[in-house]
Amino acid sequence: IVIILIVFGIMALQGQSDLSFVPALTSVMVFMSTFSYDEYNKFDA
């Protein structure tokens, strides 16, 4: 998320992109990994 924020922040400074949506939507995708970890480690049981 930090890397994406920095990259899109630089692009926004140059007027090439909008910073608004990408980091938060990325955070949702990153959060999906918690389900994968739980599933792999059989945490739900």
PDB file of all heavy atoms in Angstrom:
ATOM      1  N   ILE A   1       0.837  -1.198   0.000  1.00  0.00           N
ATOM      2  CA  ILE A   1       0.000   0.000   0.000  1.00  0.00           C
ATOM      3  C   ILE A   1       0.873   1.249   0.000  1.00  0.00           C
ATOM      4  O   ILE A   1       0.577   2.222  -0.711  1.00  0.00           O
ATOM      5  CB  ILE A   1      -0.941   0.002   1.224  1.00  0.00           C
ATOM      6  CG1 ILE A   1      -1.834  -1.247   1.208  1.00  0.00           C
ATOM      7  CG2 ILE A   1      -1.804   1.260   1.240  1.00  0.00           C
ATOM      8  CD1 ILE A   1      -2.714  -1.385   2.435  1.00  0.00           C
ATOM      9  N   VAL A   2       1.949   1.234   0.798  1.00  0.00           N
ATOM     10  CA  VAL A   2       2.848   2.390   0.876  1.00  0.00           C
ATOM     11  C   VAL A   2       3.505   2.661  -0.467  1.00  0.00           C
ATOM     12  O   VAL A   2       3.583   3.813  -0.925  1.00  0.00           O
ATOM     13  CB  VAL A   2       3.925   2.168   1.963  1.00  0.00           C
ATOM     14  CG1 VAL A   2       4.964   3.294   1.925  1.00  0.00           C
ATOM     15  CG2 VAL A   2       3.291   2.088   3.337  1.00  0.00           C
ATOM     16  N   ILE A   3       3.982   1.599  -1.126  1.00  0.00           N
ATOM     17  CA  ILE A   3       4.624   1.749  -2.432  1.00  0.00           C
ATOM     18  C   ILE A   3       3.646   2.321  -3.452  1.00  0.00           C
ATOM     19  O   ILE A   3       3.976   3.240  -4.217  1.00  0.00           O
ATOM     20  CB  ILE A   3       5.182   0.392  -2.926  1.00  0.00           C
ATOM     21  CG1 ILE A   3       6.364  -0.044  -2.060  1.00  0.00           C
ATOM     22  CG2 ILE A   3       5.606   0.488  -4.395  1.00  0.00           C
ATOM     23  CD1 ILE A   3       6.851  -1.448  -2.336  1.00  0.00           C
ATOM     24  N   ILE A   4       2.422   1.795  -3.454  1.00  0.00           N
ATOM     25  CA  ILE A   4       1.401   2.290  -4.384  1.00  0.00           C
ATOM     26  C   ILE A   4       1.069   3.741  -4.091  1.00  0.00           C
ATOM     27  O   ILE A   4       0.904   4.567  -5.009  1.00  0.00           O
ATOM     28  CB  ILE A   4       0.142   1.411  -4.299  1.00  0.00           C
ATOM     29  CG1 ILE A   4       0.422   0.040  -4.914  1.00  0.00           C
ATOM     30  CG2 ILE A   4      -1.045   2.070  -5.003  1.00  0.00           C
ATOM     31  CD1 ILE A   4      -0.694  -0.948  -4.775  1.00  0.00           C
ATOM     32  N   LEU A   5       0.989   4.088  -2.792  1.00  0.00           N
ATOM     33  CA  LEU A   5       0.704   5.467  -2.407  1.00  0.00           C
ATOM     34  C   LEU A   5       1.806   6.403  -2.888  1.00  0.00           C
ATOM     35  O   LEU A   5       1.519   7.500  -3.406  1.00  0.00           O
ATOM     36  CB  LEU A   5       0.565   5.558  -0.883  1.00  0.00           C
ATOM     37  CG  LEU A   5       0.167   6.922  -0.295  1.00  0.00           C
ATOM     38  CD1 LEU A   5      -1.212   7.334  -0.783  1.00  0.00           C
ATOM     39  CD2 LEU A   5       0.198   6.881   1.225  1.00  0.00           C
ATOM     40  N   ILE A   6       3.055   5.986  -2.757  1.00  0.00           N
ATOM     41  CA  ILE A   6       4.185   6.811  -3.195  1.00  0.00           C
ATOM     42  C   ILE A   6       4.178   6.983  -4.710  1.00  0.00           C
ATOM     43  O   ILE A   6       4.336   8.096  -5.230  1.00  0.00           O
ATOM     44  CB  ILE A   6       5.523   6.189  -2.736  1.00  0.00           C
ATOM     45  CG1 ILE A   6       5.635   6.262  -1.199  1.00  0.00           C
ATOM     46  CG2 ILE A   6       6.705   6.912  -3.380  1.00  0.00           C
ATOM     47  CD1 ILE A   6       6.825   5.507  -0.641  1.00  0.00           C
ATOM     48  N   VAL A   7       3.975   5.856  -5.430  1.00  0.00           N
ATOM     49  CA  VAL A   7       3.987   5.897  -6.898  1.00  0.00           C
ATOM     50  C   VAL A   7       2.891   6.809  -7.432  1.00  0.00           C
ATOM     51  O   VAL A   7       3.133   7.699  -8.263  1.00  0.00           O
ATOM     52  CB  VAL A   7       3.835   4.480  -7.489  1.00  0.00           C
ATOM     53  CG1 VAL A   7       3.609   4.548  -9.001  1.00  0.00           C
ATOM     54  CG2 VAL A   7       5.062   3.643  -7.176  1.00  0.00           C
ATOM     55  N   PHE A   8       1.664   6.607  -6.930  1.00  0.00           N
ATOM     56  CA  PHE A   8       0.552   7.426  -7.418  1.00  0.00           C
ATOM     57  C   PHE A   8       0.643   8.852  -6.895  1.00  0.00           C
ATOM     58  O   PHE A   8       0.132   9.782  -7.522  1.00  0.00           O
ATOM     59  CB  PHE A   8      -0.785   6.785  -7.037  1.00  0.00           C
ATOM     60  CG  PHE A   8      -1.231   5.715  -7.982  1.00  0.00           C
ATOM     61  CD1 PHE A   8      -0.770   4.413  -7.840  1.00  0.00           C
ATOM     62  CD2 PHE A   8      -2.088   6.002  -9.032  1.00  0.00           C
ATOM     63  CE1 PHE A   8      -1.171   3.422  -8.723  1.00  0.00           C
ATOM     64  CE2 PHE A   8      -2.490   5.021  -9.913  1.00  0.00           C
ATOM     65  CZ  PHE A   8      -2.029   3.725  -9.768  1.00  0.00           C
ATOM     66  N   GLY A   9       1.306   9.037  -5.732  1.00  0.00           N
ATOM     67  CA  GLY A   9       1.527  10.391  -5.237  1.00  0.00           C
ATOM     68  C   GLY A   9       2.438  11.175  -6.160  1.00  0.00           C
ATOM     69  O   GLY A   9       2.188  12.350  -6.458  1.00  0.00           O
ATOM     70  N   ILE A  10       3.505  10.526  -6.619  1.00  0.00           N
ATOM     71  CA  ILE A  10       4.429  11.163  -7.569  1.00  0.00           C
ATOM     72  C   ILE A  10       3.713  11.478  -8.883  1.00  0.00           C
ATOM     73  O   ILE A  10       3.872  12.558  -9.460  1.00  0.00           O
ATOM     74  CB  ILE A  10       5.651  10.257  -7.815  1.00  0.00           C
ATOM     75  CG1 ILE A  10       6.475  10.118  -6.528  1.00  0.00           C
ATOM     76  CG2 ILE A  10       6.515  10.812  -8.947  1.00  0.00           C
ATOM     77  CD1 ILE A  10       7.593   9.100  -6.612  1.00  0.00           C
ATOM     78  N   MET A  11       2.894  10.524  -9.347  1.00  0.00           N
ATOM     79  CA  MET A  11       2.144  10.736 -10.592  1.00  0.00           C
ATOM     80  C   MET A  11       1.138  11.867 -10.436  1.00  0.00           C
ATOM     81  O   MET A  11       0.917  12.654 -11.358  1.00  0.00           O
ATOM     82  CB  MET A  11       1.443   9.435 -10.998  1.00  0.00           C
ATOM     83  CG  MET A  11       2.388   8.319 -11.399  1.00  0.00           C
ATOM     84  SD  MET A  11       1.546   6.739 -11.720  1.00  0.00           S
ATOM     85  CE  MET A  11       0.587   7.163 -13.188  1.00  0.00           C
ATOM     86  N   ALA A  12       0.520  11.962  -9.235  1.00  0.00           N
ATOM     87  CA  ALA A  12      -0.435  13.038  -8.987  1.00  0.00           C
ATOM     88  C   ALA A  12       0.262  14.393  -8.971  1.00  0.00           C
ATOM     89  O   ALA A  12      -0.285  15.397  -9.450  1.00  0.00           O
ATOM     90  CB  ALA A  12      -1.155  12.797  -7.656  1.00  0.00           C
ATOM     91  N   LEU A  13       1.468  14.437  -8.429  1.00  0.00           N
ATOM     92  CA  LEU A  13       2.241  15.688  -8.423  1.00  0.00           C
ATOM     93  C   LEU A  13       2.542  16.147  -9.845  1.00  0.00           C
ATOM     94  O   LEU A  13       2.588  17.347 -10.126  1.00  0.00           O
ATOM     95  CB  LEU A  13       3.555  15.486  -7.659  1.00  0.00           C
ATOM     96  CG  LEU A  13       3.488  15.652  -6.133  1.00  0.00           C
ATOM     97  CD1 LEU A  13       4.802  15.226  -5.500  1.00  0.00           C
ATOM     98  CD2 LEU A  13       3.160  17.098  -5.760  1.00  0.00           C
ATOM     99  N   GLN A  14       2.746  15.178 -10.730  1.00  0.00           N
ATOM    100  CA  GLN A  14       3.042  15.482 -12.124  1.00  0.00           C
ATOM    101  C   GLN A  14       1.786  15.664 -12.968  1.00  0.00           C
ATOM    102  O   GLN A  14       1.865  15.925 -14.169  1.00  0.00           O
ATOM    103  CB  GLN A  14       3.906  14.369 -12.720  1.00  0.00           C
ATOM    104  CG  GLN A  14       5.267  14.237 -12.035  1.00  0.00           C
ATOM    105  CD  GLN A  14       6.062  13.049 -12.536  1.00  0.00           C
ATOM    106  OE1 GLN A  14       5.519  12.150 -13.198  1.00  0.00           O
ATOM    107  NE2 GLN A  14       7.348  13.025 -12.234  1.00  0.00           N
ATOM    108  N   GLY A  15       0.627  15.506 -12.308  1.00  0.00           N
ATOM    109  CA  GLY A  15      -0.644  15.688 -13.018  1.00  0.00           C
ATOM    110  C   GLY A  15      -1.010  14.549 -13.933  1.00  0.00           C
ATOM    111  O   GLY A  15      -1.843  14.706 -14.826  1.00  0.00           O
ATOM    112  N   GLN A  16      -0.418  13.376 -13.706  1.00  0.00           N
ATOM    113  CA  GLN A  16      -0.663  12.238 -14.583  1.00  0.00           C
ATOM    114  C   GLN A  16      -1.691  11.263 -14.030  1.00  0.00           C
ATOM    115  O   GLN A  16      -2.114  10.344 -14.717  1.00  0.00           O
ATOM    116  CB  GLN A  16       0.656  11.485 -14.837  1.00  0.00           C
ATOM    117  CG  GLN A  16       1.712  12.325 -15.531  1.00  0.00           C
ATOM    118  CD  GLN A  16       3.012  11.565 -15.687  1.00  0.00           C
ATOM    119  OE1 GLN A  16       3.124  10.407 -15.298  1.00  0.00           O
ATOM    120  NE2 GLN A  16       4.018  12.214 -16.263  1.00  0.00           N
ATOM    121  N   SER A  17      -2.079  11.428 -12.764  1.00  0.00           N
ATOM    122  CA  SER A  17      -2.991  10.467 -12.158  1.00  0.00           C
ATOM    123  C   SER A  17      -3.710  11.095 -10.987  1.00  0.00           C
ATOM    124  O   SER A  17      -3.305  12.133 -10.464  1.00  0.00           O
ATOM    125  CB  SER A  17      -2.215   9.223 -11.709  1.00  0.00           C
ATOM    126  OG  SER A  17      -3.061   8.311 -11.052  1.00  0.00           O
ATOM    127  N   ASP A  18      -4.815  10.453 -10.566  1.00  0.00           N
ATOM    128  CA  ASP A  18      -5.552  10.857  -9.377  1.00  0.00           C
ATOM    129  C   ASP A  18      -5.224   9.876  -8.262  1.00  0.00           C
ATOM    130  O   ASP A  18      -5.296   8.657  -8.444  1.00  0.00           O
ATOM    131  CB  ASP A  18      -7.054  10.853  -9.671  1.00  0.00           C
ATOM    132  CG  ASP A  18      -7.845  11.512  -8.545  1.00  0.00           C
ATOM    133  OD1 ASP A  18      -7.324  11.579  -7.419  1.00  0.00           O
ATOM    134  OD2 ASP A  18      -8.976  11.949  -8.796  1.00  0.00           O
ATOM    135  N   LEU A  19      -4.886  10.393  -7.101  1.00  0.00           N
ATOM    136  CA  LEU A  19      -4.445   9.565  -5.991  1.00  0.00           C
ATOM    137  C   LEU A  19      -5.587   8.873  -5.252  1.00  0.00           C
ATOM    138  O   LEU A  19      -5.386   7.877  -4.570  1.00  0.00           O
ATOM    139  CB  LEU A  19      -3.663  10.462  -5.004  1.00  0.00           C
ATOM    140  CG  LEU A  19      -3.038   9.823  -3.766  1.00  0.00           C
ATOM    141  CD1 LEU A  19      -1.958   8.824  -4.167  1.00  0.00           C
ATOM    142  CD2 LEU A  19      -2.459  10.895  -2.860  1.00  0.00           C
ATOM    143  N   SER A  20      -6.803   9.355  -5.405  1.00  0.00           N
ATOM    144  CA  SER A  20      -7.906   9.082  -4.484  1.00  0.00           C
ATOM    145  C   SER A  20      -8.210   7.613  -4.219  1.00  0.00           C
ATOM    146  O   SER A  20      -8.197   7.174  -3.063  1.00  0.00           O
ATOM    147  CB  SER A  20      -9.186   9.759  -4.994  1.00  0.00           C
ATOM    148  OG  SER A  20      -8.956  11.126  -5.203  1.00  0.00           O
ATOM    149  N   PHE A  21      -8.514   6.840  -5.250  1.00  0.00           N
ATOM    150  CA  PHE A  21      -9.127   5.538  -5.037  1.00  0.00           C
ATOM    151  C   PHE A  21      -8.153   4.378  -4.879  1.00  0.00           C
ATOM    152  O   PHE A  21      -8.472   3.398  -4.210  1.00  0.00           O
ATOM    153  CB  PHE A  21     -10.085   5.220  -6.204  1.00  0.00           C
ATOM    154  CG  PHE A  21     -11.353   6.007  -6.158  1.00  0.00           C
ATOM    155  CD1 PHE A  21     -11.417   7.273  -6.701  1.00  0.00           C
ATOM    156  CD2 PHE A  21     -12.480   5.491  -5.551  1.00  0.00           C
ATOM    157  CE1 PHE A  21     -12.592   8.016  -6.643  1.00  0.00           C
ATOM    158  CE2 PHE A  21     -13.667   6.220  -5.491  1.00  0.00           C
ATOM    159  CZ  PHE A  21     -13.711   7.484  -6.038  1.00  0.00           C
ATOM    160  N   VAL A  22      -6.995   4.478  -5.477  1.00  0.00           N
ATOM    161  CA  VAL A  22      -6.118   3.310  -5.579  1.00  0.00           C
ATOM    162  C   VAL A  22      -5.661   2.742  -4.231  1.00  0.00           C
ATOM    163  O   VAL A  22      -5.788   1.537  -3.996  1.00  0.00           O
ATOM    164  CB  VAL A  22      -4.899   3.632  -6.473  1.00  0.00           C
ATOM    165  CG1 VAL A  22      -3.958   2.430  -6.538  1.00  0.00           C
ATOM    166  CG2 VAL A  22      -5.360   4.023  -7.858  1.00  0.00           C
ATOM    167  N   PRO A  23      -5.114   3.550  -3.297  1.00  0.00           N
ATOM    168  CA  PRO A  23      -4.628   2.957  -2.033  1.00  0.00           C
ATOM    169  C   PRO A  23      -5.705   2.222  -1.241  1.00  0.00           C
ATOM    170  O   PRO A  23      -5.456   1.127  -0.718  1.00  0.00           O
ATOM    171  CB  PRO A  23      -4.109   4.186  -1.257  1.00  0.00           C
ATOM    172  CG  PRO A  23      -3.771   5.179  -2.309  1.00  0.00           C
ATOM    173  CD  PRO A  23      -4.805   4.990  -3.371  1.00  0.00           C
ATOM    174  N   ALA A  24      -6.900   2.808  -1.126  1.00  0.00           N
ATOM    175  CA  ALA A  24      -7.963   2.175  -0.341  1.00  0.00           C
ATOM    176  C   ALA A  24      -8.437   0.880  -0.994  1.00  0.00           C
ATOM    177  O   ALA A  24      -8.648  -0.128  -0.304  1.00  0.00           O
ATOM    178  CB  ALA A  24      -9.129   3.139  -0.162  1.00  0.00           C
ATOM    179  N   LEU A  25      -8.622   0.895  -2.306  1.00  0.00           N
ATOM    180  CA  LEU A  25      -9.043  -0.322  -2.993  1.00  0.00           C
ATOM    181  C   LEU A  25      -7.958  -1.397  -2.900  1.00  0.00           C
ATOM    182  O   LEU A  25      -8.265  -2.594  -2.789  1.00  0.00           O
ATOM    183  CB  LEU A  25      -9.361  -0.017  -4.463  1.00  0.00           C
ATOM    184  CG  LEU A  25     -10.651   0.769  -4.704  1.00  0.00           C
ATOM    185  CD1 LEU A  25     -10.768   1.176  -6.167  1.00  0.00           C
ATOM    186  CD2 LEU A  25     -11.877  -0.049  -4.289  1.00  0.00           C
ATOM    187  N   THR A  26      -6.695  -0.957  -2.930  1.00  0.00           N
ATOM    188  CA  THR A  26      -5.594  -1.903  -2.749  1.00  0.00           C
ATOM    189  C   THR A  26      -5.641  -2.515  -1.354  1.00  0.00           C
ATOM    190  O   THR A  26      -5.363  -3.708  -1.171  1.00  0.00           O
ATOM    191  CB  THR A  26      -4.242  -1.201  -2.966  1.00  0.00           C
ATOM    192  OG1 THR A  26      -4.207  -0.622  -4.269  1.00  0.00           O
ATOM    193  CG2 THR A  26      -3.087  -2.197  -2.819  1.00  0.00           C
ATOM    194  N   SER A  27      -5.989  -1.702  -0.356  1.00  0.00           N
ATOM    195  CA  SER A  27      -6.068  -2.208   1.021  1.00  0.00           C
ATOM    196  C   SER A  27      -7.125  -3.300   1.147  1.00  0.00           C
ATOM    197  O   SER A  27      -6.956  -4.251   1.917  1.00  0.00           O
ATOM    198  CB  SER A  27      -6.366  -1.059   1.993  1.00  0.00           C
ATOM    199  OG  SER A  27      -7.702  -0.606   1.875  1.00  0.00           O
ATOM    200  N   VAL A  28      -8.228  -3.170   0.395  1.00  0.00           N
ATOM    201  CA  VAL A  28      -9.264  -4.209   0.407  1.00  0.00           C
ATOM    202  C   VAL A  28      -8.707  -5.508  -0.164  1.00  0.00           C
ATOM    203  O   VAL A  28      -8.927  -6.592   0.380  1.00  0.00           O
ATOM    204  CB  VAL A  28     -10.501  -3.761  -0.398  1.00  0.00           C
ATOM    205  CG1 VAL A  28     -11.527  -4.890  -0.480  1.00  0.00           C
ATOM    206  CG2 VAL A  28     -11.143  -2.540   0.244  1.00  0.00           C
ATOM    207  N   MET A  29      -7.970  -5.379  -1.279  1.00  0.00           N
ATOM    208  CA  MET A  29      -7.390  -6.565  -1.888  1.00  0.00           C
ATOM    209  C   MET A  29      -6.346  -7.206  -0.969  1.00  0.00           C
ATOM    210  O   MET A  29      -6.259  -8.437  -0.857  1.00  0.00           O
ATOM    211  CB  MET A  29      -6.739  -6.199  -3.232  1.00  0.00           C
ATOM    212  CG  MET A  29      -7.713  -5.686  -4.290  1.00  0.00           C
ATOM    213  SD  MET A  29      -8.969  -6.919  -4.737  1.00  0.00           S
ATOM    214  CE  MET A  29     -10.417  -6.257  -3.895  1.00  0.00           C
ATOM    215  N   VAL A  30      -5.550  -6.349  -0.305  1.00  0.00           N
ATOM    216  CA  VAL A  30      -4.549  -6.868   0.627  1.00  0.00           C
ATOM    217  C   VAL A  30      -5.215  -7.593   1.791  1.00  0.00           C
ATOM    218  O   VAL A  30      -4.732  -8.627   2.265  1.00  0.00           O
ATOM    219  CB  VAL A  30      -3.655  -5.712   1.151  1.00  0.00           C
ATOM    220  CG1 VAL A  30      -2.804  -6.182   2.331  1.00  0.00           C
ATOM    221  CG2 VAL A  30      -2.760  -5.190   0.044  1.00  0.00           C
ATOM    222  N   PHE A  31      -6.347  -7.063   2.252  1.00  0.00           N
ATOM    223  CA  PHE A  31      -7.039  -7.679   3.380  1.00  0.00           C
ATOM    224  C   PHE A  31      -7.528  -9.078   3.028  1.00  0.00           C
ATOM    225  O   PHE A  31      -7.702  -9.916   3.928  1.00  0.00           O
ATOM    226  CB  PHE A  31      -8.216  -6.817   3.827  1.00  0.00           C
ATOM    227  CG  PHE A  31      -8.855  -7.293   5.099  1.00  0.00           C
ATOM    228  CD1 PHE A  31      -8.279  -6.995   6.320  1.00  0.00           C
ATOM    229  CD2 PHE A  31     -10.017  -8.056   5.082  1.00  0.00           C
ATOM    230  CE1 PHE A  31      -8.842  -7.452   7.505  1.00  0.00           C
ATOM    231  CE2 PHE A  31     -10.594  -8.511   6.258  1.00  0.00           C
ATOM    232  CZ  PHE A  31     -10.000  -8.197   7.477  1.00  0.00           C
ATOM    233  N   MET A  32      -7.746  -9.354   1.751  1.00  0.00           N
ATOM    234  CA  MET A  32      -8.175 -10.692   1.352  1.00  0.00           C
ATOM    235  C   MET A  32      -7.160 -11.754   1.758  1.00  0.00           C
ATOM    236  O   MET A  32      -7.497 -12.925   1.928  1.00  0.00           O
ATOM    237  CB  MET A  32      -8.376 -10.745  -0.174  1.00  0.00           C
ATOM    238  CG  MET A  32      -9.487  -9.860  -0.719  1.00  0.00           C
ATOM    239  SD  MET A  32     -11.100 -10.209  -0.025  1.00  0.00           S
ATOM    240  CE  MET A  32     -11.325  -8.781   1.026  1.00  0.00           C
ATOM    241  N   SER A  33      -5.893 -11.315   1.930  1.00  0.00           N
ATOM    242  CA  SER A  33      -4.852 -12.277   2.312  1.00  0.00           C
ATOM    243  C   SER A  33      -5.114 -12.874   3.695  1.00  0.00           C
ATOM    244  O   SER A  33      -4.658 -13.994   3.982  1.00  0.00           O
ATOM    245  CB  SER A  33      -3.470 -11.610   2.291  1.00  0.00           C
ATOM    246  OG  SER A  33      -3.388 -10.580   3.261  1.00  0.00           O
ATOM    247  N   THR A  34      -5.847 -12.160   4.559  1.00  0.00           N
ATOM    248  CA  THR A  34      -6.142 -12.708   5.895  1.00  0.00           C
ATOM    249  C   THR A  34      -7.011 -13.949   5.794  1.00  0.00           C
ATOM    250  O   THR A  34      -6.872 -14.879   6.591  1.00  0.00           O
ATOM    251  CB  THR A  34      -6.835 -11.661   6.785  1.00  0.00           C
ATOM    252  OG1 THR A  34      -8.116 -11.321   6.248  1.00  0.00           O
ATOM    253  CG2 THR A  34      -5.994 -10.400   6.895  1.00  0.00           C
ATOM    254  N   PHE A  35      -7.915 -13.959   4.805  1.00  0.00           N
ATOM    255  CA  PHE A  35      -8.741 -15.149   4.589  1.00  0.00           C
ATOM    256  C   PHE A  35      -7.871 -16.318   4.120  1.00  0.00           C
ATOM    257  O   PHE A  35      -8.072 -17.460   4.525  1.00  0.00           O
ATOM    258  CB  PHE A  35      -9.828 -14.865   3.550  1.00  0.00           C
ATOM    259  CG  PHE A  35     -10.946 -13.997   4.038  1.00  0.00           C
ATOM    260  CD1 PHE A  35     -10.932 -12.633   3.807  1.00  0.00           C
ATOM    261  CD2 PHE A  35     -12.026 -14.543   4.724  1.00  0.00           C
ATOM    262  CE1 PHE A  35     -11.976 -11.829   4.250  1.00  0.00           C
ATOM    263  CE2 PHE A  35     -13.065 -13.750   5.166  1.00  0.00           C
ATOM    264  CZ  PHE A  35     -13.039 -12.383   4.936  1.00  0.00           C
ATOM    265  N   SER A  36      -6.901 -15.995   3.242  1.00  0.00           N
ATOM    266  CA  SER A  36      -6.002 -17.037   2.733  1.00  0.00           C
ATOM    267  C   SER A  36      -5.167 -17.642   3.855  1.00  0.00           C
ATOM    268  O   SER A  36      -4.994 -18.864   3.933  1.00  0.00           O
ATOM    269  CB  SER A  36      -5.086 -16.451   1.655  1.00  0.00           C
ATOM    270  OG  SER A  36      -5.827 -15.963   0.561  1.00  0.00           O
ATOM    271  N   TYR A  37      -4.631 -16.772   4.734  1.00  0.00           N
ATOM    272  CA  TYR A  37      -3.839 -17.255   5.858  1.00  0.00           C
ATOM    273  C   TYR A  37      -4.683 -18.136   6.774  1.00  0.00           C
ATOM    274  O   TYR A  37      -4.225 -19.192   7.242  1.00  0.00           O
ATOM    275  CB  TYR A  37      -3.268 -16.080   6.654  1.00  0.00           C
ATOM    276  CG  TYR A  37      -2.185 -15.307   5.946  1.00  0.00           C
ATOM    277  CD1 TYR A  37      -2.143 -13.907   6.004  1.00  0.00           C
ATOM    278  CD2 TYR A  37      -1.184 -15.959   5.229  1.00  0.00           C
ATOM    279  CE1 TYR A  37      -1.155 -13.191   5.356  1.00  0.00           C
ATOM    280  CE2 TYR A  37      -0.185 -15.249   4.576  1.00  0.00           C
ATOM    281  CZ  TYR A  37      -0.177 -13.861   4.651  1.00  0.00           C
ATOM    282  OH  TYR A  37       0.806 -13.151   4.014  1.00  0.00           O
ATOM    283  N   ASP A  38      -5.906 -17.690   7.072  1.00  0.00           N
ATOM    284  CA  ASP A  38      -6.789 -18.469   7.944  1.00  0.00           C
ATOM    285  C   ASP A  38      -7.102 -19.829   7.330  1.00  0.00           C
ATOM    286  O   ASP A  38      -7.130 -20.854   8.022  1.00  0.00           O
ATOM    287  CB  ASP A  38      -8.095 -17.704   8.195  1.00  0.00           C
ATOM    288  CG  ASP A  38      -7.891 -16.484   9.096  1.00  0.00           C
ATOM    289  OD1 ASP A  38      -6.819 -16.386   9.724  1.00  0.00           O
ATOM    290  OD2 ASP A  38      -8.804 -15.644   9.155  1.00  0.00           O
ATOM    291  N   GLU A  39      -7.345 -19.806   6.018  1.00  0.00           N
ATOM    292  CA  GLU A  39      -7.697 -21.044   5.321  1.00  0.00           C
ATOM    293  C   GLU A  39      -6.509 -21.999   5.292  1.00  0.00           C
ATOM    294  O   GLU A  39      -6.658 -23.210   5.524  1.00  0.00           O
ATOM    295  CB  GLU A  39      -8.142 -20.703   3.894  1.00  0.00           C
ATOM    296  CG  GLU A  39      -8.832 -21.823   3.160  1.00  0.00           C
ATOM    297  CD  GLU A  39      -9.398 -21.365   1.818  1.00  0.00           C
ATOM    298  OE1 GLU A  39     -10.443 -20.687   1.815  1.00  0.00           O
ATOM    299  OE2 GLU A  39      -8.770 -21.666   0.777  1.00  0.00           O
ATOM    300  N   TYR A  40      -5.331 -21.450   5.026  1.00  0.00           N
ATOM    301  CA  TYR A  40      -4.129 -22.290   4.932  1.00  0.00           C
ATOM    302  C   TYR A  40      -3.775 -22.910   6.277  1.00  0.00           C
ATOM    303  O   TYR A  40      -3.372 -24.080   6.358  1.00  0.00           O
ATOM    304  CB  TYR A  40      -2.956 -21.444   4.419  1.00  0.00           C
ATOM    305  CG  TYR A  40      -1.644 -22.189   4.350  1.00  0.00           C
ATOM    306  CD1 TYR A  40      -1.385 -23.078   3.294  1.00  0.00           C
ATOM    307  CD2 TYR A  40      -0.667 -22.012   5.327  1.00  0.00           C
ATOM    308  CE1 TYR A  40      -0.184 -23.767   3.235  1.00  0.00           C
ATOM    309  CE2 TYR A  40       0.535 -22.701   5.270  1.00  0.00           C
ATOM    310  CZ  TYR A  40       0.776 -23.579   4.227  1.00  0.00           C
ATOM    311  OH  TYR A  40       1.964 -24.262   4.164  1.00  0.00           O
ATOM    312  N   ASN A  41      -3.912 -22.132   7.343  1.00  0.00           N
ATOM    313  CA  ASN A  41      -3.559 -22.608   8.686  1.00  0.00           C
ATOM    314  C   ASN A  41      -4.727 -23.271   9.426  1.00  0.00           C
ATOM    315  O   ASN A  41      -4.599 -23.611  10.609  1.00  0.00           O
ATOM    316  CB  ASN A  41      -3.040 -21.435   9.536  1.00  0.00           C
ATOM    317  CG  ASN A  41      -1.719 -20.892   9.021  1.00  0.00           C
ATOM    318  OD1 ASN A  41      -0.707 -21.574   9.061  1.00  0.00           O
ATOM    319  ND2 ASN A  41      -1.719 -19.664   8.533  1.00  0.00           N
ATOM    320  N   LYS A  42      -5.860 -23.415   8.719  1.00  0.00           N
ATOM    321  CA  LYS A  42      -7.062 -24.034   9.299  1.00  0.00           C
ATOM    322  C   LYS A  42      -7.456 -23.355  10.623  1.00  0.00           C
ATOM    323  O   LYS A  42      -7.794 -24.017  11.614  1.00  0.00           O
ATOM    324  CB  LYS A  42      -6.850 -25.535   9.500  1.00  0.00           C
ATOM    325  CG  LYS A  42      -6.472 -26.267   8.212  1.00  0.00           C
ATOM    326  CD  LYS A  42      -6.426 -27.752   8.404  1.00  0.00           C
ATOM    327  CE  LYS A  42      -5.926 -28.455   7.154  1.00  0.00           C
ATOM    328  NZ  LYS A  42      -6.722 -28.154   5.955  1.00  0.00           N
ATOM    329  N   PHE A  43      -7.380 -22.024  10.604  1.00  0.00           N
ATOM    330  CA  PHE A  43      -7.650 -21.257  11.820  1.00  0.00           C
ATOM    331  C   PHE A  43      -9.127 -21.297  12.206  1.00  0.00           C
ATOM    332  O   PHE A  43      -9.466 -21.246  13.390  1.00  0.00           O
ATOM    333  CB  PHE A  43      -7.206 -19.799  11.619  1.00  0.00           C
ATOM    334  CG  PHE A  43      -7.507 -18.899  12.781  1.00  0.00           C
ATOM    335  CD1 PHE A  43      -6.724 -18.925  13.917  1.00  0.00           C
ATOM    336  CD2 PHE A  43      -8.599 -18.037  12.742  1.00  0.00           C
ATOM    337  CE1 PHE A  43      -7.012 -18.112  15.008  1.00  0.00           C
ATOM    338  CE2 PHE A  43      -8.893 -17.218  13.824  1.00  0.00           C
ATOM    339  CZ  PHE A  43      -8.102 -17.245  14.959  1.00  0.00           C
ATOM    340  N   ASP A  44     -10.007 -21.386  11.215  1.00  0.00           N
ATOM    341  CA  ASP A  44     -11.444 -21.331  11.495  1.00  0.00           C
ATOM    342  C   ASP A  44     -11.887 -22.461  12.421  1.00  0.00           C
ATOM    343  O   ASP A  44     -12.749 -22.252  13.291  1.00  0.00           O
ATOM    344  CB  ASP A  44     -12.240 -21.389  10.189  1.00  0.00           C
ATOM    345  CG  ASP A  44     -12.030 -20.153   9.337  1.00  0.00           C
ATOM    346  OD1 ASP A  44     -12.749 -19.169   9.547  1.00  0.00           O
ATOM    347  OD2 ASP A  44     -11.128 -20.165   8.484  1.00  0.00           O
ATOM    348  N   ALA A  45     -11.313 -23.637  12.231  1.00  0.00           N
ATOM    349  CA  ALA A  45     -11.683 -24.777  13.067  1.00  0.00           C
ATOM    350  C   ALA A  45     -11.379 -24.498  14.540  1.00  0.00           C
ATOM    351  O   ALA A  45     -12.112 -24.947  15.428  1.00  0.00           O
ATOM    352  CB  ALA A  45     -10.939 -26.027  12.603  1.00  0.00           C
TER     353      ALA A  45
END
